[in-house]
Amino acid sequence: MTFPQYTAGITEPTDLNFLLGPKLFFILFKALFIIGILFYIIYAVIMIRQIQLMTETVKTKMSGSLILLGVIHLILALLLFGYFLIV
């Protein structure tokens, strides 16, 4: 009398769960988020540069506030990047 061998749900070696497990999906998903936030950080740096050029051309009372908002935006983008690396 032979007992069936337990294969933990994998019926064949070509099963998609065997090739593309949940860990691989998570790694690819995380890599896409990290690439996306890197592009967003580049956007935030360009936005700060544009704010600086604008404040050199047109001086207003709000110039300092706009630069501050741009720097806060960049800091938040960097914090989000750090969060994506940790999680």
N, C-alpha and C. Protein backbone atom coordinates (compact mmCIF):
# COMPACT_ATOMS: atom_id res chain seq x y z
N MET A 1 0.84 -1.18 0.00
CA MET A 1 0.00 0.00 0.00
C MET A 1 0.90 1.25 0.00
N THR A 2 0.71 2.13 -0.97
CA THR A 2 1.51 3.35 -1.06
C THR A 2 0.61 4.55 -0.78
N PHE A 3 1.18 5.51 -0.12
CA PHE A 3 0.45 6.73 0.21
C PHE A 3 0.87 7.83 -0.77
N PRO A 4 -0.08 8.71 -1.13
CA PRO A 4 0.31 9.81 -2.02
C PRO A 4 1.29 10.75 -1.32
N GLN A 5 2.24 11.24 -2.08
CA GLN A 5 3.24 12.14 -1.53
C GLN A 5 2.64 13.54 -1.43
N TYR A 6 2.88 14.20 -0.31
CA TYR A 6 2.36 15.55 -0.09
C TYR A 6 3.26 16.55 -0.81
N THR A 7 2.67 17.36 -1.69
CA THR A 7 3.45 18.32 -2.49
C THR A 7 3.13 19.76 -2.17
N ALA A 8 2.43 20.02 -1.08
CA ALA A 8 2.12 21.39 -0.63
C ALA A 8 1.37 22.19 -1.69
N GLY A 9 0.47 21.56 -2.41
CA GLY A 9 -0.37 22.28 -3.36
C GLY A 9 0.22 22.42 -4.74
N ILE A 10 1.46 22.07 -4.95
CA ILE A 10 2.08 22.17 -6.27
C ILE A 10 1.86 20.85 -6.98
N THR A 11 1.12 20.91 -8.06
CA THR A 11 0.81 19.68 -8.77
C THR A 11 1.89 19.31 -9.77
N GLU A 12 2.47 20.28 -10.41
CA GLU A 12 3.52 20.05 -11.40
C GLU A 12 4.59 21.12 -11.25
N PRO A 13 5.81 20.84 -11.66
CA PRO A 13 6.85 21.88 -11.57
C PRO A 13 6.57 23.09 -12.45
N THR A 14 5.68 22.96 -13.44
CA THR A 14 5.38 24.10 -14.30
C THR A 14 4.22 24.93 -13.78
N ASP A 15 3.74 24.64 -12.59
CA ASP A 15 2.64 25.39 -12.00
C ASP A 15 3.08 26.85 -11.79
N LEU A 16 2.17 27.80 -12.08
CA LEU A 16 2.52 29.23 -11.95
C LEU A 16 2.83 29.61 -10.51
N ASN A 17 2.20 28.99 -9.55
CA ASN A 17 2.51 29.30 -8.16
C ASN A 17 3.95 28.90 -7.83
N PHE A 18 4.44 27.88 -8.50
CA PHE A 18 5.82 27.45 -8.28
C PHE A 18 6.80 28.46 -8.90
N LEU A 19 6.49 28.92 -10.11
CA LEU A 19 7.40 29.83 -10.81
C LEU A 19 7.28 31.26 -10.31
N LEU A 20 6.07 31.73 -10.14
CA LEU A 20 5.82 33.11 -9.74
C LEU A 20 5.13 33.13 -8.40
N GLY A 21 5.86 32.88 -7.37
CA GLY A 21 5.30 32.85 -6.02
C GLY A 21 4.96 34.24 -5.53
N PRO A 22 4.31 34.31 -4.37
CA PRO A 22 3.93 35.63 -3.83
C PRO A 22 5.13 36.49 -3.48
N LYS A 23 6.27 35.89 -3.12
CA LYS A 23 7.44 36.70 -2.80
C LYS A 23 7.96 37.43 -4.04
N LEU A 24 7.97 36.76 -5.17
CA LEU A 24 8.43 37.40 -6.40
C LEU A 24 7.50 38.53 -6.80
N PHE A 25 6.20 38.32 -6.65
CA PHE A 25 5.23 39.37 -6.95
C PHE A 25 5.46 40.57 -6.05
N PHE A 26 5.69 40.34 -4.75
CA PHE A 26 5.93 41.43 -3.81
C PHE A 26 7.21 42.19 -4.17
N ILE A 27 8.26 41.48 -4.54
CA ILE A 27 9.52 42.13 -4.90
C ILE A 27 9.35 42.99 -6.15
N LEU A 28 8.65 42.49 -7.16
CA LEU A 28 8.42 43.28 -8.37
C LEU A 28 7.55 44.50 -8.08
N PHE A 29 6.52 44.32 -7.27
CA PHE A 29 5.64 45.42 -6.90
C PHE A 29 6.41 46.50 -6.14
N LYS A 30 7.26 46.07 -5.20
CA LYS A 30 8.07 47.01 -4.43
C LYS A 30 9.06 47.74 -5.33
N ALA A 31 9.67 47.02 -6.28
CA ALA A 31 10.63 47.64 -7.19
C ALA A 31 9.95 48.72 -8.04
N LEU A 32 8.74 48.47 -8.48
CA LEU A 32 8.01 49.47 -9.26
C LEU A 32 7.71 50.71 -8.42
N PHE A 33 7.34 50.53 -7.16
CA PHE A 33 7.09 51.67 -6.29
C PHE A 33 8.37 52.47 -6.06
N ILE A 34 9.49 51.78 -5.86
CA ILE A 34 10.76 52.48 -5.62
C ILE A 34 11.18 53.25 -6.87
N ILE A 35 11.02 52.68 -8.04
CA ILE A 35 11.34 53.39 -9.29
C ILE A 35 10.42 54.60 -9.45
N GLY A 36 9.16 54.42 -9.13
CA GLY A 36 8.21 55.53 -9.23
C GLY A 36 8.55 56.67 -8.29
N ILE A 37 8.91 56.36 -7.04
CA ILE A 37 9.23 57.43 -6.11
C ILE A 37 10.54 58.10 -6.47
N LEU A 38 11.47 57.38 -7.11
CA LEU A 38 12.70 58.03 -7.58
C LEU A 38 12.39 59.08 -8.65
N PHE A 39 11.48 58.75 -9.56
CA PHE A 39 11.06 59.74 -10.55
C PHE A 39 10.36 60.92 -9.87
N TYR A 40 9.60 60.64 -8.82
CA TYR A 40 8.91 61.71 -8.11
C TYR A 40 9.90 62.61 -7.38
N ILE A 41 10.98 62.04 -6.85
CA ILE A 41 12.01 62.85 -6.20
C ILE A 41 12.69 63.76 -7.23
N ILE A 42 12.96 63.22 -8.41
CA ILE A 42 13.54 64.05 -9.48
C ILE A 42 12.59 65.20 -9.82
N TYR A 43 11.29 64.90 -9.88
CA TYR A 43 10.30 65.94 -10.14
C TYR A 43 10.32 67.00 -9.03
N ALA A 44 10.43 66.58 -7.78
CA ALA A 44 10.44 67.53 -6.66
C ALA A 44 11.67 68.42 -6.71
N VAL A 45 12.82 67.87 -7.10
CA VAL A 45 14.04 68.68 -7.21
C VAL A 45 13.89 69.69 -8.35
N ILE A 46 13.35 69.25 -9.47
CA ILE A 46 13.12 70.18 -10.60
C ILE A 46 12.14 71.27 -10.20
N MET A 47 11.13 70.91 -9.41
CA MET A 47 10.15 71.90 -8.98
C MET A 47 10.80 72.96 -8.08
N ILE A 48 11.70 72.55 -7.20
CA ILE A 48 12.40 73.53 -6.35
C ILE A 48 13.24 74.47 -7.23
N ARG A 49 13.91 73.91 -8.22
CA ARG A 49 14.72 74.76 -9.12
C ARG A 49 13.83 75.75 -9.88
N GLN A 50 12.68 75.30 -10.32
CA GLN A 50 11.75 76.20 -11.02
C GLN A 50 11.25 77.30 -10.09
N ILE A 51 10.99 76.96 -8.83
CA ILE A 51 10.54 77.98 -7.87
C ILE A 51 11.64 79.01 -7.65
N GLN A 52 12.89 78.55 -7.56
CA GLN A 52 14.01 79.49 -7.37
C GLN A 52 14.15 80.42 -8.57
N LEU A 53 14.04 79.87 -9.78
CA LEU A 53 14.12 80.72 -10.98
C LEU A 53 12.98 81.71 -11.03
N MET A 54 11.79 81.27 -10.63
CA MET A 54 10.63 82.16 -10.65
C MET A 54 10.80 83.29 -9.64
N THR A 55 11.31 82.96 -8.43
CA THR A 55 11.45 84.01 -7.41
C THR A 55 12.56 84.99 -7.75
N GLU A 56 13.56 84.56 -8.55
CA GLU A 56 14.57 85.51 -9.01
C GLU A 56 14.00 86.47 -10.04
N THR A 57 13.06 85.97 -10.84
CA THR A 57 12.47 86.81 -11.88
C THR A 57 11.39 87.73 -11.32
N VAL A 58 10.49 87.17 -10.52
CA VAL A 58 9.38 87.93 -9.96
C VAL A 58 9.47 87.88 -8.44
N LYS A 59 9.76 89.00 -7.83
CA LYS A 59 9.88 89.04 -6.38
C LYS A 59 8.55 89.47 -5.77
N THR A 60 8.04 88.61 -4.88
CA THR A 60 6.79 88.90 -4.17
C THR A 60 6.98 88.60 -2.69
N LYS A 61 5.93 88.90 -1.91
CA LYS A 61 5.97 88.57 -0.49
C LYS A 61 5.89 87.07 -0.25
N MET A 62 5.34 86.35 -1.21
CA MET A 62 5.14 84.91 -1.06
C MET A 62 6.34 84.08 -1.52
N SER A 63 7.39 84.70 -1.98
CA SER A 63 8.53 83.95 -2.53
C SER A 63 9.13 83.01 -1.49
N GLY A 64 9.34 83.49 -0.29
CA GLY A 64 9.91 82.65 0.76
C GLY A 64 9.00 81.48 1.12
N SER A 65 7.70 81.74 1.12
CA SER A 65 6.74 80.67 1.44
C SER A 65 6.73 79.60 0.36
N LEU A 66 6.85 80.03 -0.90
CA LEU A 66 6.85 79.05 -1.99
C LEU A 66 8.09 78.16 -1.95
N ILE A 67 9.24 78.77 -1.64
CA ILE A 67 10.46 77.97 -1.52
C ILE A 67 10.33 76.99 -0.35
N LEU A 68 9.78 77.45 0.75
CA LEU A 68 9.58 76.58 1.90
C LEU A 68 8.65 75.42 1.57
N LEU A 69 7.58 75.70 0.86
CA LEU A 69 6.66 74.62 0.46
C LEU A 69 7.35 73.62 -0.47
N GLY A 70 8.19 74.10 -1.36
CA GLY A 70 8.93 73.21 -2.25
C GLY A 70 9.89 72.32 -1.49
N VAL A 71 10.57 72.87 -0.50
CA VAL A 71 11.51 72.08 0.30
C VAL A 71 10.75 71.05 1.15
N ILE A 72 9.62 71.45 1.72
CA ILE A 72 8.80 70.51 2.48
C ILE A 72 8.32 69.37 1.57
N HIS A 73 7.95 69.71 0.36
CA HIS A 73 7.51 68.70 -0.61
C HIS A 73 8.64 67.71 -0.90
N LEU A 74 9.85 68.21 -1.08
CA LEU A 74 11.00 67.34 -1.34
C LEU A 74 11.29 66.45 -0.13
N ILE A 75 11.22 67.01 1.07
CA ILE A 75 11.47 66.22 2.28
C ILE A 75 10.44 65.11 2.42
N LEU A 76 9.17 65.42 2.14
CA LEU A 76 8.14 64.39 2.22
C LEU A 76 8.36 63.30 1.17
N ALA A 77 8.82 63.67 -0.01
CA ALA A 77 9.12 62.67 -1.04
C ALA A 77 10.28 61.78 -0.60
N LEU A 78 11.30 62.36 0.03
CA LEU A 78 12.42 61.56 0.53
C LEU A 78 11.99 60.64 1.66
N LEU A 79 11.12 61.12 2.54
CA LEU A 79 10.60 60.27 3.61
C LEU A 79 9.78 59.11 3.04
N LEU A 80 9.01 59.39 2.02
CA LEU A 80 8.23 58.34 1.37
C LEU A 80 9.15 57.31 0.73
N PHE A 81 10.24 57.75 0.14
CA PHE A 81 11.22 56.83 -0.43
C PHE A 81 11.81 55.94 0.65
N GLY A 82 12.15 56.52 1.79
CA GLY A 82 12.66 55.73 2.91
C GLY A 82 11.64 54.72 3.41
N TYR A 83 10.39 55.12 3.45
CA TYR A 83 9.32 54.21 3.86
C TYR A 83 9.19 53.04 2.89
N PHE A 84 9.28 53.32 1.60
CA PHE A 84 9.18 52.25 0.61
C PHE A 84 10.36 51.28 0.71
N LEU A 85 11.53 51.80 1.08
CA LEU A 85 12.69 50.91 1.24
C LEU A 85 12.55 50.01 2.47
N ILE A 86 11.96 50.55 3.53
CA ILE A 86 11.82 49.78 4.77
C ILE A 86 10.73 48.73 4.64
N VAL A 87 9.60 49.12 4.09
CA VAL A 87 8.47 48.19 3.96
C VAL A 87 8.69 47.35 2.77
